[in-house]
Amino acid sequence: MGEIINHITAFQPVYRILHREDNLDFFRDVFGLKVLCEEGAMVELGGHKAKEVRLQVEESPGFRSVRGLKKHGRTIIKANGVEIEQLLVRQLDKISRVFQAKNGLAFEAISPENGIFLITPDLLTDLSALTEISKSDLALEKTDFVGLSDCEIIAMDLNVVDDEVIKIYENIFGLEKTGGIFTFPVVTLQLKVEESEDLAASTHEVLDLEILVFKIDKNFDLLAFANQFSEKHQTYLDASAKTFSLEVPNHAELWFVK
């Protein structure tokens, strides 16, 4: 199953949200994203020029806030350093922490659902490479700016309830002894075992990470891949064999989409 890693071409997380406009304002204003498509409860967001979907949110009325740690520990976004500066100069009051990165400034902000998002100009998976600085030290000037031209989700920190979740990931992707770190061509996922009340909560119950979408190239045999999993994984394969999903118990859904 390990060969699927080499066929991953893109990655999109999907988060459940409660108040649609509050969350869209957060992603549009603080992170400079553009709403690319709204269909029912689903909203796709990405850059203003590239217009590639980079993340999705699903409005989920009736779902409750997470008690304790979220499964979604942190999402790390890579973008143009000059554009990050323009976000900083406009939204500093909504930003929780500012950092000096290798190639410019980075910052962290908290979403209305208490999700942690960090944006950096570096290809970064190790936060120790960042040096926190005071907001008062910034001296930036506004220039013409409408939002990020593009961005990429380059890493996610995920809190998991036990080692079994990590073992399931290893089985799905054909890897061994990962230590919870999964390095794919387009994203790095770091799974860390933690103790918290809602880490085993259903994705149909709380406002947290819902789905991790892996885009797969058209040459990959998704049908053969899907046939390796039993119904106990709560799998789904569409009739055209272009979308396959499975549920990681006590965690989230993984989708593989051509």
C-alpha atoms as a PDB file:
ATOM      1  CA  MET A   1       0.000   0.000   0.000  1.00  0.00           C
ATOM      2  CA  GLY A   2       3.005   2.268   0.410  1.00  0.00           C
ATOM      3  CA  GLU A   3       3.025   3.122  -3.274  1.00  0.00           C
ATOM      4  CA  ILE A   4       0.015   5.405  -2.820  1.00  0.00           C
ATOM      5  CA  ILE A   5       2.286   7.989  -1.194  1.00  0.00           C
ATOM      6  CA  ASN A   6       4.032   8.616  -4.513  1.00  0.00           C
ATOM      7  CA  HIS A   7       0.680   9.310  -6.192  1.00  0.00           C
ATOM      8  CA  ILE A   8      -0.503  12.044  -3.787  1.00  0.00           C
ATOM      9  CA  THR A   9      -0.679  15.360  -5.663  1.00  0.00           C
ATOM     10  CA  ALA A  10      -2.565  17.675  -3.285  1.00  0.00           C
ATOM     11  CA  PHE A  11      -3.994  17.850   0.219  1.00  0.00           C
ATOM     12  CA  GLN A  12      -7.048  19.557   1.720  1.00  0.00           C
ATOM     13  CA  PRO A  13      -8.244  19.466   5.336  1.00  0.00           C
ATOM     14  CA  VAL A  14     -11.946  19.873   6.072  1.00  0.00           C
ATOM     15  CA  TYR A  15     -13.008  21.501   9.354  1.00  0.00           C
ATOM     16  CA  ARG A  16     -16.450  21.615  10.931  1.00  0.00           C
ATOM     17  CA  ILE A  17     -17.590  25.115  11.902  1.00  0.00           C
ATOM     18  CA  LEU A  18     -20.638  26.583  13.624  1.00  0.00           C
ATOM     19  CA  HIS A  19     -20.975  30.243  12.632  1.00  0.00           C
ATOM     20  CA  ARG A  20     -20.348  30.370   8.902  1.00  0.00           C
ATOM     21  CA  GLU A  21     -19.731  34.090   8.389  1.00  0.00           C
ATOM     22  CA  ASP A  22     -17.553  34.483  11.489  1.00  0.00           C
ATOM     23  CA  ASN A  23     -15.287  31.704  10.264  1.00  0.00           C
ATOM     24  CA  LEU A  24     -15.247  32.908   6.665  1.00  0.00           C
ATOM     25  CA  ASP A  25     -14.342  36.398   7.879  1.00  0.00           C
ATOM     26  CA  PHE A  26     -11.457  34.846   9.810  1.00  0.00           C
ATOM     27  CA  PHE A  27     -10.063  33.039   6.782  1.00  0.00           C
ATOM     28  CA  ARG A  28     -10.716  35.951   4.406  1.00  0.00           C
ATOM     29  CA  ASP A  29      -9.496  38.779   6.615  1.00  0.00           C
ATOM     30  CA  VAL A  30      -6.783  37.284   8.815  1.00  0.00           C
ATOM     31  CA  PHE A  31      -5.356  34.821   6.283  1.00  0.00           C
ATOM     32  CA  GLY A  32      -6.256  36.549   3.036  1.00  0.00           C
ATOM     33  CA  LEU A  33      -8.067  33.593   1.492  1.00  0.00           C
ATOM     34  CA  LYS A  34     -10.824  33.767  -1.104  1.00  0.00           C
ATOM     35  CA  VAL A  35     -14.079  31.821  -1.104  1.00  0.00           C
ATOM     36  CA  LEU A  36     -13.876  29.804  -4.323  1.00  0.00           C
ATOM     37  CA  CYS A  37     -17.100  27.834  -4.049  1.00  0.00           C
ATOM     38  CA  GLU A  38     -20.085  27.574  -1.719  1.00  0.00           C
ATOM     39  CA  GLU A  39     -22.360  24.583  -2.093  1.00  0.00           C
ATOM     40  CA  GLY A  40     -24.830  23.905   0.675  1.00  0.00           C
ATOM     41  CA  ALA A  41     -22.971  23.635   3.965  1.00  0.00           C
ATOM     42  CA  MET A  42     -19.570  23.280   2.260  1.00  0.00           C
ATOM     43  CA  VAL A  43     -17.235  26.182   1.486  1.00  0.00           C
ATOM     44  CA  GLU A  44     -13.957  25.871  -0.435  1.00  0.00           C
ATOM     45  CA  LEU A  45     -11.181  28.426   0.078  1.00  0.00           C
ATOM     46  CA  GLY A  46      -7.912  29.198  -1.680  1.00  0.00           C
ATOM     47  CA  GLY A  47      -5.798  31.964  -3.192  1.00  0.00           C
ATOM     48  CA  HIS A  48      -7.060  34.915  -5.226  1.00  0.00           C
ATOM     49  CA  LYS A  49      -4.946  34.173  -8.318  1.00  0.00           C
ATOM     50  CA  ALA A  50      -4.186  30.456  -8.349  1.00  0.00           C
ATOM     51  CA  LYS A  51      -7.760  29.605  -7.278  1.00  0.00           C
ATOM     52  CA  GLU A  52      -6.761  26.110  -6.167  1.00  0.00           C
ATOM     53  CA  VAL A  53      -8.815  24.777  -3.259  1.00  0.00           C
ATOM     54  CA  ARG A  54      -6.526  24.626  -0.218  1.00  0.00           C
ATOM     55  CA  LEU A  55      -8.987  23.960   2.606  1.00  0.00           C
ATOM     56  CA  GLN A  56     -12.683  23.447   3.196  1.00  0.00           C
ATOM     57  CA  VAL A  57     -15.108  24.189   5.998  1.00  0.00           C
ATOM     58  CA  GLU A  58     -18.500  22.622   6.635  1.00  0.00           C
ATOM     59  CA  GLU A  59     -21.178  24.541   8.491  1.00  0.00           C
ATOM     60  CA  SER A  60     -22.448  22.150  11.148  1.00  0.00           C
ATOM     61  CA  PRO A  61     -25.339  23.546  13.229  1.00  0.00           C
ATOM     62  CA  GLY A  62     -26.151  21.510  16.314  1.00  0.00           C
ATOM     63  CA  PHE A  63     -22.572  20.353  16.781  1.00  0.00           C
ATOM     64  CA  ARG A  64     -20.857  21.297  20.028  1.00  0.00           C
ATOM     65  CA  SER A  65     -17.492  22.814  20.831  1.00  0.00           C
ATOM     66  CA  VAL A  66     -14.666  20.481  21.790  1.00  0.00           C
ATOM     67  CA  ARG A  67     -13.979  20.041  25.498  1.00  0.00           C
ATOM     68  CA  GLY A  68     -10.227  20.044  26.047  1.00  0.00           C
ATOM     69  CA  LEU A  69      -7.772  19.405  23.234  1.00  0.00           C
ATOM     70  CA  LYS A  70      -8.970  19.292  19.642  1.00  0.00           C
ATOM     71  CA  LYS A  71      -7.860  16.608  17.204  1.00  0.00           C
ATOM     72  CA  HIS A  72      -6.794  19.552  15.064  1.00  0.00           C
ATOM     73  CA  GLY A  73      -3.658  20.677  16.870  1.00  0.00           C
ATOM     74  CA  ARG A  74      -2.302  23.162  14.329  1.00  0.00           C
ATOM     75  CA  THR A  75      -2.422  23.833  10.588  1.00  0.00           C
ATOM     76  CA  ILE A  76       0.687  25.325   8.985  1.00  0.00           C
ATOM     77  CA  ILE A  77       0.221  27.342   5.792  1.00  0.00           C
ATOM     78  CA  LYS A  78       2.984  28.465   3.434  1.00  0.00           C
ATOM     79  CA  ALA A  79       2.527  31.705   1.503  1.00  0.00           C
ATOM     80  CA  ASN A  80       4.433  34.588  -0.051  1.00  0.00           C
ATOM     81  CA  GLY A  81       6.403  36.545   2.564  1.00  0.00           C
ATOM     82  CA  VAL A  82       5.501  39.982   1.209  1.00  0.00           C
ATOM     83  CA  GLU A  83       1.818  39.045   1.262  1.00  0.00           C
ATOM     84  CA  ILE A  84       2.119  37.781   4.847  1.00  0.00           C
ATOM     85  CA  GLU A  85       3.466  41.210   5.827  1.00  0.00           C
ATOM     86  CA  GLN A  86       0.384  42.837   4.300  1.00  0.00           C
ATOM     87  CA  LEU A  87      -1.848  40.588   6.395  1.00  0.00           C
ATOM     88  CA  LEU A  88       0.117  41.557   9.495  1.00  0.00           C
ATOM     89  CA  VAL A  89      -0.138  45.282   8.901  1.00  0.00           C
ATOM     90  CA  ARG A  90      -3.914  45.027   8.391  1.00  0.00           C
ATOM     91  CA  GLN A  91      -4.948  42.417  10.976  1.00  0.00           C
ATOM     92  CA  LEU A  92      -2.457  42.724  13.834  1.00  0.00           C
ATOM     93  CA  ASP A  93      -5.176  42.989  16.490  1.00  0.00           C
ATOM     94  CA  LYS A  94      -6.577  39.598  15.415  1.00  0.00           C
ATOM     95  CA  ILE A  95      -3.191  37.846  15.431  1.00  0.00           C
ATOM     96  CA  SER A  96      -2.055  36.059  18.584  1.00  0.00           C
ATOM     97  CA  ARG A  97       1.688  35.555  17.961  1.00  0.00           C
ATOM     98  CA  VAL A  98       4.277  36.883  15.499  1.00  0.00           C
ATOM     99  CA  PHE A  99       7.526  35.134  14.586  1.00  0.00           C
ATOM    100  CA  GLN A 100      10.708  35.797  12.689  1.00  0.00           C
ATOM    101  CA  ALA A 101      11.170  33.025  10.137  1.00  0.00           C
ATOM    102  CA  LYS A 102      14.129  32.363   7.868  1.00  0.00           C
ATOM    103  CA  ASN A 103      12.609  34.139   4.874  1.00  0.00           C
ATOM    104  CA  GLY A 104      10.434  36.745   6.543  1.00  0.00           C
ATOM    105  CA  LEU A 105       7.702  37.037   9.137  1.00  0.00           C
ATOM    106  CA  ALA A 106       5.242  34.376  10.257  1.00  0.00           C
ATOM    107  CA  PHE A 107       2.194  34.578  12.500  1.00  0.00           C
ATOM    108  CA  GLU A 108      -0.322  32.472  14.362  1.00  0.00           C
ATOM    109  CA  ALA A 109      -4.020  33.175  14.862  1.00  0.00           C
ATOM    110  CA  ILE A 110      -6.919  31.386  16.546  1.00  0.00           C
ATOM    111  CA  SER A 111     -10.117  30.694  14.612  1.00  0.00           C
ATOM    112  CA  PRO A 112     -13.634  31.201  16.040  1.00  0.00           C
ATOM    113  CA  GLU A 113     -13.695  27.430  16.712  1.00  0.00           C
ATOM    114  CA  ASN A 114     -10.378  27.667  18.621  1.00  0.00           C
ATOM    115  CA  GLY A 115      -8.375  26.146  15.788  1.00  0.00           C
ATOM    116  CA  ILE A 116      -4.708  27.159  15.636  1.00  0.00           C
ATOM    117  CA  PHE A 117      -3.443  28.313  12.233  1.00  0.00           C
ATOM    118  CA  LEU A 118       0.121  29.421  11.474  1.00  0.00           C
ATOM    119  CA  ILE A 119       1.259  31.044   8.238  1.00  0.00           C
ATOM    120  CA  THR A 120       4.916  31.184   7.220  1.00  0.00           C
ATOM    121  CA  PRO A 121       7.016  32.012   4.145  1.00  0.00           C
ATOM    122  CA  ASP A 122       9.203  28.956   4.834  1.00  0.00           C
ATOM    123  CA  LEU A 123       8.763  25.295   4.003  1.00  0.00           C
ATOM    124  CA  LEU A 124       8.417  24.620   7.690  1.00  0.00           C
ATOM    125  CA  THR A 125       7.505  21.591   9.775  1.00  0.00           C
ATOM    126  CA  ASP A 126       9.638  22.295  12.870  1.00  0.00           C
ATOM    127  CA  LEU A 127       8.382  25.278  14.856  1.00  0.00           C
ATOM    128  CA  SER A 128      11.704  25.519  16.711  1.00  0.00           C
ATOM    129  CA  ALA A 129      12.997  27.291  13.593  1.00  0.00           C
ATOM    130  CA  LEU A 130      10.783  30.277  14.477  1.00  0.00           C
ATOM    131  CA  THR A 131      11.687  33.051  16.913  1.00  0.00           C
ATOM    132  CA  GLU A 132       8.759  34.810  18.556  1.00  0.00           C
ATOM    133  CA  ILE A 133       8.905  38.598  18.396  1.00  0.00           C
ATOM    134  CA  SER A 134       6.796  41.378  19.878  1.00  0.00           C
ATOM    135  CA  LYS A 135       4.036  42.948  17.826  1.00  0.00           C
ATOM    136  CA  SER A 136       5.347  46.328  18.912  1.00  0.00           C
ATOM    137  CA  ASP A 137       8.630  45.645  17.099  1.00  0.00           C
ATOM    138  CA  LEU A 138       6.932  45.546  13.709  1.00  0.00           C
ATOM    139  CA  ALA A 139       7.375  48.449  11.318  1.00  0.00           C
ATOM    140  CA  LEU A 140       5.395  47.637   8.194  1.00  0.00           C
ATOM    141  CA  GLU A 141       3.680  49.775   5.582  1.00  0.00           C
ATOM    142  CA  LYS A 142       0.502  49.084   3.648  1.00  0.00           C
ATOM    143  CA  THR A 143       0.686  48.530  -0.091  1.00  0.00           C
ATOM    144  CA  ASP A 144      -1.952  47.501  -2.625  1.00  0.00           C
ATOM    145  CA  PHE A 145      -3.221  44.101  -1.533  1.00  0.00           C
ATOM    146  CA  VAL A 146      -6.407  42.080  -1.968  1.00  0.00           C
ATOM    147  CA  GLY A 147      -5.341  38.778  -0.422  1.00  0.00           C
ATOM    148  CA  LEU A 148      -3.019  35.841  -0.849  1.00  0.00           C
ATOM    149  CA  SER A 149      -2.289  35.016  -4.468  1.00  0.00           C
ATOM    150  CA  ASP A 150      -1.912  31.376  -3.418  1.00  0.00           C
ATOM    151  CA  CYS A 151      -0.953  29.254  -0.430  1.00  0.00           C
ATOM    152  CA  GLU A 152      -0.368  25.631   0.536  1.00  0.00           C
ATOM    153  CA  ILE A 153      -1.117  23.556   3.612  1.00  0.00           C
ATOM    154  CA  ILE A 154       2.361  22.173   4.276  1.00  0.00           C
ATOM    155  CA  ALA A 155       1.922  20.571   7.703  1.00  0.00           C
ATOM    156  CA  MET A 156      -0.617  19.657  10.362  1.00  0.00           C
ATOM    157  CA  ASP A 157      -0.215  18.673  13.998  1.00  0.00           C
ATOM    158  CA  LEU A 158      -2.905  16.195  14.989  1.00  0.00           C
ATOM    159  CA  ASN A 159      -3.745  15.058  18.512  1.00  0.00           C
ATOM    160  CA  VAL A 160      -4.798  11.402  18.733  1.00  0.00           C
ATOM    161  CA  VAL A 161      -6.276   9.345  21.531  1.00  0.00           C
ATOM    162  CA  ASP A 162      -3.830   6.410  21.374  1.00  0.00           C
ATOM    163  CA  ASP A 163      -1.099   4.646  19.407  1.00  0.00           C
ATOM    164  CA  GLU A 164      -3.720   2.608  17.566  1.00  0.00           C
ATOM    165  CA  VAL A 165      -4.590   5.635  15.424  1.00  0.00           C
ATOM    166  CA  ILE A 166      -0.931   5.943  14.395  1.00  0.00           C
ATOM    167  CA  LYS A 167      -0.805   2.218  13.583  1.00  0.00           C
ATOM    168  CA  ILE A 168      -3.884   2.554  11.371  1.00  0.00           C
ATOM    169  CA  TYR A 169      -2.204   5.395   9.463  1.00  0.00           C
ATOM    170  CA  GLU A 170       0.904   3.242   9.062  1.00  0.00           C
ATOM    171  CA  ASN A 171      -1.223   0.393   7.716  1.00  0.00           C
ATOM    172  CA  ILE A 172      -3.118   2.622   5.283  1.00  0.00           C
ATOM    173  CA  PHE A 173       0.027   4.165   3.833  1.00  0.00           C
ATOM    174  CA  GLY A 174       2.234   1.062   4.060  1.00  0.00           C
ATOM    175  CA  LEU A 175       4.729   2.523   6.514  1.00  0.00           C
ATOM    176  CA  GLU A 176       6.441   1.240   9.661  1.00  0.00           C
ATOM    177  CA  LYS A 177       7.837   2.831  12.819  1.00  0.00           C
ATOM    178  CA  THR A 178       6.970   6.374  11.814  1.00  0.00           C
ATOM    179  CA  GLY A 179       6.951   7.749  15.327  1.00  0.00           C
ATOM    180  CA  GLY A 180       3.734   9.481  14.322  1.00  0.00           C
ATOM    181  CA  ILE A 181       5.397  11.593  11.616  1.00  0.00           C
ATOM    182  CA  PHE A 182       4.062  11.042   8.096  1.00  0.00           C
ATOM    183  CA  THR A 183       5.913  12.889   5.353  1.00  0.00           C
ATOM    184  CA  PHE A 184       3.984  12.944   2.086  1.00  0.00           C
ATOM    185  CA  PRO A 185       5.001  14.708  -1.150  1.00  0.00           C
ATOM    186  CA  VAL A 186       2.793  17.718  -0.396  1.00  0.00           C
ATOM    187  CA  VAL A 187       2.254  17.744   3.383  1.00  0.00           C
ATOM    188  CA  THR A 188       3.685  16.461   6.655  1.00  0.00           C
ATOM    189  CA  LEU A 189       1.310  15.141   9.321  1.00  0.00           C
ATOM    190  CA  GLN A 190       2.540  14.800  12.887  1.00  0.00           C
ATOM    191  CA  LEU A 191       0.333  12.653  15.113  1.00  0.00           C
ATOM    192  CA  LYS A 192       0.846  12.938  18.862  1.00  0.00           C
ATOM    193  CA  VAL A 193      -0.861  10.844  21.527  1.00  0.00           C
ATOM    194  CA  GLU A 194      -2.565  13.032  24.124  1.00  0.00           C
ATOM    195  CA  GLU A 195      -5.126  12.605  26.888  1.00  0.00           C
ATOM    196  CA  SER A 196      -8.236  14.731  26.509  1.00  0.00           C
ATOM    197  CA  GLU A 197     -11.961  14.205  26.762  1.00  0.00           C
ATOM    198  CA  ASP A 198     -12.992  14.642  23.134  1.00  0.00           C
ATOM    199  CA  LEU A 199     -10.097  13.105  21.209  1.00  0.00           C
ATOM    200  CA  ALA A 200     -12.265  10.013  20.708  1.00  0.00           C
ATOM    201  CA  ALA A 201     -15.410  11.995  19.878  1.00  0.00           C
ATOM    202  CA  SER A 202     -17.218  11.271  16.630  1.00  0.00           C
ATOM    203  CA  THR A 203     -16.709  13.622  13.692  1.00  0.00           C
ATOM    204  CA  HIS A 204     -20.524  13.800  13.634  1.00  0.00           C
ATOM    205  CA  GLU A 205     -20.627  15.319  17.121  1.00  0.00           C
ATOM    206  CA  VAL A 206     -18.032  18.061  17.642  1.00  0.00           C
ATOM    207  CA  LEU A 207     -16.620  21.117  15.850  1.00  0.00           C
ATOM    208  CA  ASP A 208     -13.203  19.799  14.936  1.00  0.00           C
ATOM    209  CA  LEU A 209     -11.270  18.286  12.080  1.00  0.00           C
ATOM    210  CA  GLU A 210     -13.665  16.257   9.931  1.00  0.00           C
ATOM    211  CA  ILE A 211     -11.842  14.970   6.834  1.00  0.00           C
ATOM    212  CA  LEU A 212      -8.344  14.832   5.373  1.00  0.00           C
ATOM    213  CA  VAL A 213      -8.558  14.812   1.571  1.00  0.00           C
ATOM    214  CA  PHE A 214      -5.654  13.390  -0.435  1.00  0.00           C
ATOM    215  CA  LYS A 215      -5.829  14.118  -4.156  1.00  0.00           C
ATOM    216  CA  ILE A 216      -4.438  11.189  -6.175  1.00  0.00           C
ATOM    217  CA  ASP A 217      -3.144  11.199  -9.738  1.00  0.00           C
ATOM    218  CA  LYS A 218      -5.320   9.598 -12.418  1.00  0.00           C
ATOM    219  CA  ASN A 219      -2.940   6.683 -13.019  1.00  0.00           C
ATOM    220  CA  PHE A 220      -3.322   5.215  -9.538  1.00  0.00           C
ATOM    221  CA  ASP A 221      -5.530   2.115  -9.221  1.00  0.00           C
ATOM    222  CA  LEU A 222      -7.896   3.354  -6.535  1.00  0.00           C
ATOM    223  CA  LEU A 223     -10.155   0.305  -6.879  1.00  0.00           C
ATOM    224  CA  ALA A 224      -7.321  -2.090  -6.040  1.00  0.00           C
ATOM    225  CA  PHE A 225      -6.304   0.128  -3.138  1.00  0.00           C
ATOM    226  CA  ALA A 226      -9.859   0.212  -1.777  1.00  0.00           C
ATOM    227  CA  ASN A 227     -10.214  -3.568  -2.001  1.00  0.00           C
ATOM    228  CA  GLN A 228      -7.460  -3.981   0.591  1.00  0.00           C
ATOM    229  CA  PHE A 229      -9.731  -2.646   3.316  1.00  0.00           C
ATOM    230  CA  SER A 230     -12.628  -4.398   4.987  1.00  0.00           C
ATOM    231  CA  GLU A 231     -16.027  -3.001   5.850  1.00  0.00           C
ATOM    232  CA  LYS A 232     -14.925  -2.552   9.470  1.00  0.00           C
ATOM    233  CA  HIS A 233     -13.161   0.619   8.297  1.00  0.00           C
ATOM    234  CA  GLN A 234     -16.560   2.011   7.175  1.00  0.00           C
ATOM    235  CA  THR A 235     -15.327   2.415   3.638  1.00  0.00           C
ATOM    236  CA  TYR A 236     -17.009   3.978   0.615  1.00  0.00           C
ATOM    237  CA  LEU A 237     -16.014   3.757  -3.051  1.00  0.00           C
ATOM    238  CA  ASP A 238     -18.031   5.608  -5.672  1.00  0.00           C
ATOM    239  CA  ALA A 239     -19.204   3.829  -8.833  1.00  0.00           C
ATOM    240  CA  SER A 240     -16.506   5.385 -11.004  1.00  0.00           C
ATOM    241  CA  ALA A 241     -13.746   4.384  -8.552  1.00  0.00           C
ATOM    242  CA  LYS A 242     -12.575   7.988  -8.351  1.00  0.00           C
ATOM    243  CA  THR A 243     -13.390   8.662  -4.693  1.00  0.00           C
ATOM    244  CA  PHE A 244     -12.588   6.327  -1.815  1.00  0.00           C
ATOM    245  CA  SER A 245     -13.120   7.132   1.844  1.00  0.00           C
ATOM    246  CA  LEU A 246     -12.493   5.298   5.064  1.00  0.00           C
ATOM    247  CA  GLU A 247     -12.912   6.162   8.705  1.00  0.00           C
ATOM    248  CA  VAL A 248     -10.071   6.036  11.196  1.00  0.00           C
ATOM    249  CA  PRO A 249     -11.834   5.129  14.477  1.00  0.00           C
ATOM    250  CA  ASN A 250     -11.651   7.801  17.193  1.00  0.00           C
ATOM    251  CA  HIS A 251     -10.075  10.191  14.700  1.00  0.00           C
ATOM    252  CA  ALA A 252     -11.351  11.407  11.315  1.00  0.00           C
ATOM    253  CA  GLU A 253     -12.212  10.372   7.775  1.00  0.00           C
ATOM    254  CA  LEU A 254      -9.563   9.995   5.066  1.00  0.00           C
ATOM    255  CA  TRP A 255     -10.629  10.608   1.471  1.00  0.00           C
ATOM    256  CA  PHE A 256      -8.631   9.667  -1.601  1.00  0.00           C
ATOM    257  CA  VAL A 257      -9.880  11.510  -4.674  1.00  0.00           C
ATOM    258  CA  LYS A 258      -8.788  11.427  -8.316  1.00  0.00           C
END
